[in-house]
Amino acid sequence: MLSQRAQPLGPIQKTQPPEMVASGNIGKMVSENSVLVLGRRACCMCHVVKKLLLGLGVNPTVCELEEGAEAEEAEQALGRMGGGTQLPAVFIGGRLVGGLDRLMAAHISGELVPILKQAGALWL
């Protein structure tokens, strides 16, 4: 029988309180963080976004929203910002990159790392 060990926590992620989104401060959060991920709590796509960014050596700020009014308000705010209304939403260097599909496309095409370096989120 294998003994169970505590798993390492990995890099520490900064988190933002959901109240920041509820009060309409997405723009402020975007401007204060080089990489921001807005997503629903326990969303598999948000988990993949975080894993991809952490795997590249980026420590994103993550704001996980509860289902319901919080997530709906965030989606409406994203729509007003001129982007899609889909969560998860990834902001890099103050610019909305998009969701998981656009982030993966940028990664596969080789565009993601230069964008992260330009935003100051990646130094290598």
Protein backbone atom coordinates (compact mmCIF):
# COMPACT_ATOMS: atom_id res chain seq x y z
CA MET A 1 0.00 0.00 0.00
CA LEU A 2 1.33 3.41 -0.91
CA SER A 3 1.58 5.96 1.84
CA GLN A 4 -0.11 9.27 1.24
CA ARG A 5 2.10 12.35 1.31
CA ALA A 6 1.20 15.97 1.26
CA GLN A 7 1.50 17.35 -2.26
CA PRO A 8 3.64 20.46 -2.78
CA LEU A 9 1.57 23.60 -3.13
CA GLY A 10 3.49 24.97 -6.10
CA PRO A 11 3.79 28.69 -6.78
CA ILE A 12 1.72 31.01 -4.65
CA GLN A 13 -1.07 32.64 -6.61
CA LYS A 14 -2.31 36.07 -5.74
CA THR A 15 -6.06 36.15 -5.54
CA GLN A 16 -8.45 39.04 -5.70
CA PRO A 17 -11.62 39.14 -3.64
CA PRO A 18 -14.76 38.67 -5.74
CA GLU A 19 -16.11 41.94 -4.28
CA MET A 20 -13.70 43.74 -6.62
CA VAL A 21 -15.68 42.39 -9.56
CA ALA A 22 -19.05 42.86 -7.90
CA SER A 23 -18.36 46.55 -7.40
CA GLY A 24 -17.36 47.01 -11.03
CA ASN A 25 -13.61 47.36 -10.52
CA ILE A 26 -12.45 45.00 -13.26
CA GLY A 27 -10.60 47.86 -14.97
CA LYS A 28 -8.69 48.61 -11.78
CA MET A 29 -7.75 44.95 -11.30
CA VAL A 30 -6.60 44.74 -14.93
CA SER A 31 -4.38 47.80 -14.59
CA GLU A 32 -2.84 46.61 -11.30
CA ASN A 33 -1.88 43.09 -12.45
CA SER A 34 0.29 42.02 -15.36
CA VAL A 35 -1.73 38.79 -15.75
CA LEU A 36 -5.30 38.49 -14.50
CA VAL A 37 -7.59 35.50 -14.85
CA LEU A 38 -11.31 35.92 -14.16
CA GLY A 39 -13.18 32.65 -13.92
CA ARG A 40 -15.85 30.67 -12.18
CA ARG A 41 -14.91 28.74 -9.06
CA ALA A 42 -14.21 25.06 -9.85
CA CYS A 43 -14.34 25.66 -13.61
CA CYS A 44 -12.23 23.14 -15.54
CA MET A 45 -11.33 25.70 -18.23
CA CYS A 46 -10.12 28.16 -15.59
CA HIS A 47 -8.00 25.37 -14.11
CA VAL A 48 -6.40 24.70 -17.53
CA VAL A 49 -5.68 28.42 -17.99
CA LYS A 50 -3.97 28.58 -14.59
CA LYS A 51 -1.96 25.39 -15.26
CA LEU A 52 -0.78 26.67 -18.66
CA LEU A 53 0.36 30.00 -17.24
CA LEU A 54 2.01 28.39 -14.20
CA GLY A 55 3.75 25.90 -16.50
CA LEU A 56 5.26 28.80 -18.43
CA GLY A 57 6.55 30.33 -15.19
CA VAL A 58 3.90 33.02 -14.86
CA ASN A 59 2.19 33.65 -11.54
CA PRO A 60 -1.26 34.99 -12.54
CA THR A 61 -3.62 36.87 -10.29
CA VAL A 62 -6.79 34.79 -10.17
CA CYS A 63 -10.27 35.97 -9.27
CA GLU A 64 -12.63 33.02 -8.87
CA LEU A 65 -16.30 33.95 -8.92
CA GLU A 66 -19.27 32.08 -7.54
CA GLU A 67 -21.96 30.96 -9.97
CA GLY A 68 -24.93 33.28 -10.21
CA ALA A 69 -25.03 37.02 -9.83
CA GLU A 70 -21.26 37.46 -9.38
CA ALA A 71 -20.36 35.66 -12.60
CA GLU A 72 -23.19 37.32 -14.53
CA GLU A 73 -22.08 40.78 -13.40
CA ALA A 74 -18.50 40.02 -14.46
CA GLU A 75 -19.69 38.82 -17.88
CA GLN A 76 -21.73 42.01 -18.32
CA ALA A 77 -18.73 44.14 -17.34
CA LEU A 78 -16.57 42.26 -19.86
CA GLY A 79 -19.17 42.96 -22.54
CA ARG A 80 -19.08 46.67 -21.71
CA MET A 81 -15.27 46.61 -22.05
CA GLY A 82 -15.68 45.53 -25.66
CA GLY A 83 -14.58 41.95 -25.20
CA GLY A 84 -16.48 38.73 -25.15
CA THR A 85 -18.75 37.91 -22.28
CA GLN A 86 -17.28 34.48 -21.67
CA LEU A 87 -15.45 33.26 -18.58
CA PRO A 88 -12.65 32.51 -18.04
CA ALA A 89 -11.26 35.79 -19.29
CA VAL A 90 -7.51 36.34 -19.44
CA PHE A 91 -5.93 39.80 -19.36
CA ILE A 92 -2.24 40.21 -20.09
CA GLY A 93 -0.53 43.58 -19.87
CA GLY A 94 -3.83 45.39 -19.46
CA ARG A 95 -5.31 43.87 -22.62
CA LEU A 96 -8.05 41.26 -22.90
CA VAL A 97 -6.52 38.23 -24.61
CA GLY A 98 -9.73 36.21 -24.47
CA GLY A 99 -10.67 32.84 -23.07
CA LEU A 100 -8.99 29.47 -23.04
CA ASP A 101 -9.32 29.03 -26.81
CA ARG A 102 -7.47 32.25 -27.65
CA LEU A 103 -4.85 31.67 -24.95
CA MET A 104 -4.13 28.17 -26.31
CA ALA A 105 -4.02 29.47 -29.89
CA ALA A 106 -1.48 32.13 -28.87
CA HIS A 107 0.57 29.47 -27.06
CA ILE A 108 0.56 27.02 -29.97
CA SER A 109 1.47 29.73 -32.49
CA GLY A 110 4.37 30.91 -30.31
CA GLU A 111 2.88 34.35 -29.66
CA LEU A 112 2.08 33.90 -25.96
CA VAL A 113 5.61 33.99 -24.50
CA PRO A 114 6.55 37.29 -26.23
CA ILE A 115 3.26 38.83 -25.03
CA LEU A 116 3.99 37.70 -21.47
CA LYS A 117 7.56 39.08 -21.66
CA GLN A 118 6.30 42.40 -22.98
CA ALA A 119 3.82 42.61 -20.09
CA GLY A 120 6.59 41.96 -17.57
CA ALA A 121 5.06 38.70 -16.40
CA LEU A 122 7.90 36.52 -17.70
CA TRP A 123 11.60 37.26 -17.52
CA LEU A 124 13.22 34.35 -19.35
